[in-house]
């Protein structure tokens, strides 16, 4: 999965852009008390370990 696809899924799940970091975008969710970081390398593939971690945090 590419970073751009992961970003779209997160935004559809209720995550919103809180702020832009140096290399990552920080997203928050109104029902969860932790942020997630999504890289801005849209065309690159997400590595497997990080993908499964973010998948669990995002909730899809």
PDB file of N, CA and C in Angstrom:
ATOM      1  N   UNK A   1       0.842  -1.168   0.000  1.00  0.00           N
ATOM      2  CA  UNK A   1       0.000   0.000   0.000  1.00  0.00           C
ATOM      3  C   UNK A   1       0.890   1.236   0.000  1.00  0.00           C
ATOM      4  N   UNK A   2       0.483   2.228  -0.741  1.00  0.00           N
ATOM      5  CA  UNK A   2       1.241   3.474  -0.820  1.00  0.00           C
ATOM      6  C   UNK A   2       0.781   4.434   0.274  1.00  0.00           C
ATOM      7  N   UNK A   3       1.636   5.409   0.587  1.00  0.00           N
ATOM      8  CA  UNK A   3       1.332   6.381   1.635  1.00  0.00           C
ATOM      9  C   UNK A   3       0.082   7.188   1.294  1.00  0.00           C
ATOM     10  N   UNK A   4      -0.113   7.501   0.025  1.00  0.00           N
ATOM     11  CA  UNK A   4      -1.285   8.292  -0.366  1.00  0.00           C
ATOM     12  C   UNK A   4      -2.577   7.516  -0.103  1.00  0.00           C
ATOM     13  N   UNK A   5      -2.576   6.207  -0.337  1.00  0.00           N
ATOM     14  CA  UNK A   5      -3.744   5.373  -0.064  1.00  0.00           C
ATOM     15  C   UNK A   5      -4.020   5.309   1.430  1.00  0.00           C
ATOM     16  N   UNK A   6      -2.957   5.165   2.221  1.00  0.00           N
ATOM     17  CA  UNK A   6      -3.106   5.104   3.672  1.00  0.00           C
ATOM     18  C   UNK A   6      -3.662   6.415   4.214  1.00  0.00           C
ATOM     19  N   UNK A   7      -3.217   7.527   3.664  1.00  0.00           N
ATOM     20  CA  UNK A   7      -3.720   8.845   4.075  1.00  0.00           C
ATOM     21  C   UNK A   7      -5.222   8.957   3.790  1.00  0.00           C
ATOM     22  N   UNK A   8      -5.653   8.519   2.608  1.00  0.00           N
ATOM     23  CA  UNK A   8      -7.071   8.581   2.251  1.00  0.00           C
ATOM     24  C   UNK A   8      -7.922   7.735   3.188  1.00  0.00           C
ATOM     25  N   UNK A   9      -7.448   6.544   3.522  1.00  0.00           N
ATOM     26  CA  UNK A   9      -8.182   5.661   4.425  1.00  0.00           C
ATOM     27  C   UNK A   9      -8.283   6.291   5.811  1.00  0.00           C
ATOM     28  N   UNK A  10      -7.194   6.886   6.283  1.00  0.00           N
ATOM     29  CA  UNK A  10      -7.201   7.527   7.602  1.00  0.00           C
ATOM     30  C   UNK A  10      -8.197   8.683   7.636  1.00  0.00           C
ATOM     31  N   UNK A  11      -8.221   9.490   6.593  1.00  0.00           N
ATOM     32  CA  UNK A  11      -9.136  10.632   6.565  1.00  0.00           C
ATOM     33  C   UNK A  11     -10.588  10.176   6.484  1.00  0.00           C
ATOM     34  N   UNK A  12     -10.868   9.098   5.777  1.00  0.00           N
ATOM     35  CA  UNK A  12     -12.228   8.560   5.724  1.00  0.00           C
ATOM     36  C   UNK A  12     -12.644   7.972   7.069  1.00  0.00           C
ATOM     37  N   UNK A  13     -11.667   7.531   7.862  1.00  0.00           N
ATOM     38  CA  UNK A  13     -11.949   6.940   9.173  1.00  0.00           C
ATOM     39  C   UNK A  13     -12.080   7.983  10.274  1.00  0.00           C
ATOM     40  N   UNK A  14     -11.979   9.253   9.933  1.00  0.00           N
ATOM     41  CA  UNK A  14     -12.184  10.303  10.926  1.00  0.00           C
ATOM     42  C   UNK A  14     -10.930  10.985  11.421  1.00  0.00           C
ATOM     43  N   UNK A  15      -9.767  10.628  10.904  1.00  0.00           N
ATOM     44  CA  UNK A  15      -8.519  11.275  11.287  1.00  0.00           C
ATOM     45  C   UNK A  15      -8.401  12.587  10.531  1.00  0.00           C
ATOM     46  N   UNK A  16      -7.907  13.623  11.178  1.00  0.00           N
ATOM     47  CA  UNK A  16      -7.741  14.916  10.521  1.00  0.00           C
ATOM     48  C   UNK A  16      -6.330  15.432  10.738  1.00  0.00           C
ATOM     49  N   UNK A  17      -5.872  16.251   9.797  1.00  0.00           N
ATOM     50  CA  UNK A  17      -4.520  16.795   9.835  1.00  0.00           C
ATOM     51  C   UNK A  17      -4.421  17.803  10.962  1.00  0.00           C
ATOM     52  N   UNK A  18      -3.538  17.545  11.903  1.00  0.00           N
ATOM     53  CA  UNK A  18      -3.319  18.440  13.041  1.00  0.00           C
ATOM     54  C   UNK A  18      -2.229  19.447  12.718  1.00  0.00           C
ATOM     55  N   UNK A  19      -1.088  18.931  12.223  1.00  0.00           N
ATOM     56  CA  UNK A  19      -0.002  19.821  11.824  1.00  0.00           C
ATOM     57  C   UNK A  19       0.963  19.060  10.917  1.00  0.00           C
ATOM     58  N   UNK A  20       1.786  19.838  10.235  1.00  0.00           N
ATOM     59  CA  UNK A  20       2.808  19.257   9.372  1.00  0.00           C
ATOM     60  C   UNK A  20       4.139  19.276  10.100  1.00  0.00           C
ATOM     61  N   UNK A  21       4.802  18.121  10.141  1.00  0.00           N
ATOM     62  CA  UNK A  21       6.138  18.049  10.703  1.00  0.00           C
ATOM     63  C   UNK A  21       7.160  18.233   9.605  1.00  0.00           C
ATOM     64  N   UNK A  22       8.416  17.940   9.897  1.00  0.00           N
ATOM     65  CA  UNK A  22       9.476  18.088   8.903  1.00  0.00           C
ATOM     66  C   UNK A  22       9.303  17.081   7.758  1.00  0.00           C
ATOM     67  N   UNK A  23       9.054  15.817   8.084  1.00  0.00           N
ATOM     68  CA  UNK A  23       8.901  14.777   7.069  1.00  0.00           C
ATOM     69  C   UNK A  23       7.581  14.018   7.192  1.00  0.00           C
ATOM     70  N   UNK A  24       6.819  14.289   8.250  1.00  0.00           N
ATOM     71  CA  UNK A  24       5.582  13.565   8.512  1.00  0.00           C
ATOM     72  C   UNK A  24       4.446  14.552   8.751  1.00  0.00           C
ATOM     73  N   UNK A  25       3.237  14.084   8.501  1.00  0.00           N
ATOM     74  CA  UNK A  25       2.045  14.824   8.877  1.00  0.00           C
ATOM     75  C   UNK A  25       1.478  14.169  10.126  1.00  0.00           C
ATOM     76  N   UNK A  26       1.070  14.977  11.078  1.00  0.00           N
ATOM     77  CA  UNK A  26       0.527  14.488  12.338  1.00  0.00           C
ATOM     78  C   UNK A  26      -0.996  14.545  12.245  1.00  0.00           C
ATOM     79  N   UNK A  27      -1.639  13.406  12.476  1.00  0.00           N
ATOM     80  CA  UNK A  27      -3.097  13.301  12.419  1.00  0.00           C
ATOM     81  C   UNK A  27      -3.642  12.978  13.799  1.00  0.00           C
ATOM     82  N   UNK A  28      -4.813  13.544  14.101  1.00  0.00           N
ATOM     83  CA  UNK A  28      -5.519  13.273  15.348  1.00  0.00           C
ATOM     84  C   UNK A  28      -6.919  12.775  15.027  1.00  0.00           C
ATOM     85  N   UNK A  29      -7.522  12.127  16.016  1.00  0.00           N
ATOM     86  CA  UNK A  29      -8.895  11.633  15.911  1.00  0.00           C
ATOM     87  C   UNK A  29      -9.630  12.082  17.159  1.00  0.00           C
ATOM     88  N   UNK A  30     -10.876  12.490  17.015  1.00  0.00           N
ATOM     89  CA  UNK A  30     -11.604  13.030  18.162  1.00  0.00           C
ATOM     90  C   UNK A  30     -11.894  11.980  19.235  1.00  0.00           C
ATOM     91  N   UNK A  31     -11.952  10.695  18.874  1.00  0.00           N
ATOM     92  CA  UNK A  31     -12.267   9.642  19.838  1.00  0.00           C
ATOM     93  C   UNK A  31     -11.041   8.908  20.380  1.00  0.00           C
ATOM     94  N   UNK A  32      -9.874   9.177  19.835  1.00  0.00           N
ATOM     95  CA  UNK A  32      -8.657   8.474  20.279  1.00  0.00           C
ATOM     96  C   UNK A  32      -7.712   9.483  20.901  1.00  0.00           C
ATOM     97  N   UNK A  33      -6.948   9.049  21.874  1.00  0.00           N
ATOM     98  CA  UNK A  33      -6.083   9.984  22.610  1.00  0.00           C
ATOM     99  C   UNK A  33      -4.612   9.870  22.217  1.00  0.00           C
ATOM    100  N   UNK A  34      -4.340   9.486  20.983  1.00  0.00           N
ATOM    101  CA  UNK A  34      -2.966   9.403  20.508  1.00  0.00           C
ATOM    102  C   UNK A  34      -2.917   9.896  19.058  1.00  0.00           C
ATOM    103  N   UNK A  35      -1.796  10.483  18.661  1.00  0.00           N
ATOM    104  CA  UNK A  35      -1.636  10.914  17.266  1.00  0.00           C
ATOM    105  C   UNK A  35      -1.033   9.790  16.421  1.00  0.00           C
ATOM    106  N   UNK A  36      -1.189   9.901  15.117  1.00  0.00           N
ATOM    107  CA  UNK A  36      -0.473   9.019  14.191  1.00  0.00           C
ATOM    108  C   UNK A  36       0.338   9.901  13.258  1.00  0.00           C
ATOM    109  N   UNK A  37       1.439   9.359  12.768  1.00  0.00           N
ATOM    110  CA  UNK A  37       2.304  10.081  11.838  1.00  0.00           C
ATOM    111  C   UNK A  37       2.263   9.386  10.493  1.00  0.00           C
ATOM    112  N   UNK A  38       1.963  10.154   9.460  1.00  0.00           N
ATOM    113  CA  UNK A  38       1.922   9.629   8.104  1.00  0.00           C
ATOM    114  C   UNK A  38       2.956  10.386   7.282  1.00  0.00           C
ATOM    115  N   UNK A  39       3.852   9.639   6.654  1.00  0.00           N
ATOM    116  CA  UNK A  39       4.915  10.262   5.856  1.00  0.00           C
ATOM    117  C   UNK A  39       4.334  10.936   4.631  1.00  0.00           C
ATOM    118  N   UNK A  40       5.078  11.888   4.078  1.00  0.00           N
ATOM    119  CA  UNK A  40       4.650  12.594   2.881  1.00  0.00           C
ATOM    120  C   UNK A  40       5.286  12.033   1.618  1.00  0.00           C
ATOM    121  N   UNK A  41       5.734  10.795   1.640  1.00  0.00           N
ATOM    122  CA  UNK A  41       6.310  10.133   0.464  1.00  0.00           C
ATOM    123  C   UNK A  41       5.184   9.359  -0.218  1.00  0.00           C
ATOM    124  N   UNK A  42       4.296  10.081  -0.887  1.00  0.00           N
ATOM    125  CA  UNK A  42       3.049   9.513  -1.372  1.00  0.00           C
ATOM    126  C   UNK A  42       3.204   8.312  -2.286  1.00  0.00           C
ATOM    127  N   UNK A  43       4.227   8.284  -3.132  1.00  0.00           N
ATOM    128  CA  UNK A  43       4.342   7.200  -4.107  1.00  0.00           C
ATOM    129  C   UNK A  43       5.120   6.005  -3.581  1.00  0.00           C
ATOM    130  N   UNK A  44       5.726   6.112  -2.426  1.00  0.00           N
ATOM    131  CA  UNK A  44       6.492   4.999  -1.866  1.00  0.00           C
ATOM    132  C   UNK A  44       5.569   4.041  -1.129  1.00  0.00           C
ATOM    133  N   UNK A  45       5.983   2.794  -1.088  1.00  0.00           N
ATOM    134  CA  UNK A  45       5.240   1.766  -0.367  1.00  0.00           C
ATOM    135  C   UNK A  45       5.515   1.882   1.131  1.00  0.00           C
ATOM    136  N   UNK A  46       4.492   1.589   1.930  1.00  0.00           N
ATOM    137  CA  UNK A  46       4.638   1.558   3.382  1.00  0.00           C
ATOM    138  C   UNK A  46       5.250   0.213   3.737  1.00  0.00           C
ATOM    139  N   UNK A  47       6.263   0.202   4.590  1.00  0.00           N
ATOM    140  CA  UNK A  47       6.895  -1.050   4.995  1.00  0.00           C
ATOM    141  C   UNK A  47       5.914  -1.874   5.826  1.00  0.00           C
ATOM    142  N   UNK A  48       6.064  -3.208   5.771  1.00  0.00           N
ATOM    143  CA  UNK A  48       5.081  -4.110   6.368  1.00  0.00           C
ATOM    144  C   UNK A  48       4.846  -3.876   7.849  1.00  0.00           C
ATOM    145  N   UNK A  49       5.885  -3.783   8.649  1.00  0.00           N
ATOM    146  CA  UNK A  49       5.712  -3.609  10.088  1.00  0.00           C
ATOM    147  C   UNK A  49       4.987  -2.315  10.419  1.00  0.00           C
ATOM    148  N   UNK A  50       5.369  -1.248   9.763  1.00  0.00           N
ATOM    149  CA  UNK A  50       4.733   0.047   9.977  1.00  0.00           C
ATOM    150  C   UNK A  50       3.297   0.033   9.472  1.00  0.00           C
ATOM    151  N   UNK A  51       3.055  -0.649   8.368  1.00  0.00           N
ATOM    152  CA  UNK A  51       1.701  -0.758   7.822  1.00  0.00           C
ATOM    153  C   UNK A  51       0.764  -1.407   8.827  1.00  0.00           C
ATOM    154  N   UNK A  52       1.191  -2.522   9.419  1.00  0.00           N
ATOM    155  CA  UNK A  52       0.323  -3.227  10.372  1.00  0.00           C
ATOM    156  C   UNK A  52       0.114  -2.426  11.644  1.00  0.00           C
ATOM    157  N   UNK A  53       1.124  -1.685  12.072  1.00  0.00           N
ATOM    158  CA  UNK A  53       0.987  -0.821  13.246  1.00  0.00           C
ATOM    159  C   UNK A  53      -0.043   0.279  12.979  1.00  0.00           C
ATOM    160  N   UNK A  54       0.093   0.962  11.842  1.00  0.00           N
ATOM    161  CA  UNK A  54      -0.838   2.040  11.500  1.00  0.00           C
ATOM    162  C   UNK A  54      -2.240   1.504  11.222  1.00  0.00           C
ATOM    163  N   UNK A  55      -2.310   0.342  10.618  1.00  0.00           N
ATOM    164  CA  UNK A  55      -3.620  -0.280  10.355  1.00  0.00           C
ATOM    165  C   UNK A  55      -4.371  -0.526  11.667  1.00  0.00           C
ATOM    166  N   UNK A  56      -3.673  -0.995  12.668  1.00  0.00           N
ATOM    167  CA  UNK A  56      -4.293  -1.233  13.968  1.00  0.00           C
ATOM    168  C   UNK A  56      -4.692   0.090  14.625  1.00  0.00           C
ATOM    169  N   UNK A  57      -3.836   1.109  14.532  1.00  0.00           N
ATOM    170  CA  UNK A  57      -4.156   2.390  15.148  1.00  0.00           C
ATOM    171  C   UNK A  57      -5.312   3.092  14.443  1.00  0.00           C
ATOM    172  N   UNK A  58      -5.329   3.039  13.118  1.00  0.00           N
ATOM    173  CA  UNK A  58      -6.386   3.702  12.355  1.00  0.00           C
ATOM    174  C   UNK A  58      -7.701   2.966  12.527  1.00  0.00           C
ATOM    175  N   UNK A  59      -7.642   1.663  12.552  1.00  0.00           N
ATOM    176  CA  UNK A  59      -8.838   0.855  12.782  1.00  0.00           C
ATOM    177  C   UNK A  59      -9.532   0.412  11.507  1.00  0.00           C
ATOM    178  N   UNK A  60      -8.788  -0.107  10.552  1.00  0.00           N
ATOM    179  CA  UNK A  60      -9.420  -0.670   9.352  1.00  0.00           C
ATOM    180  C   UNK A  60      -8.938  -2.059   9.104  1.00  0.00           C
TER     181      UNK A  60
END
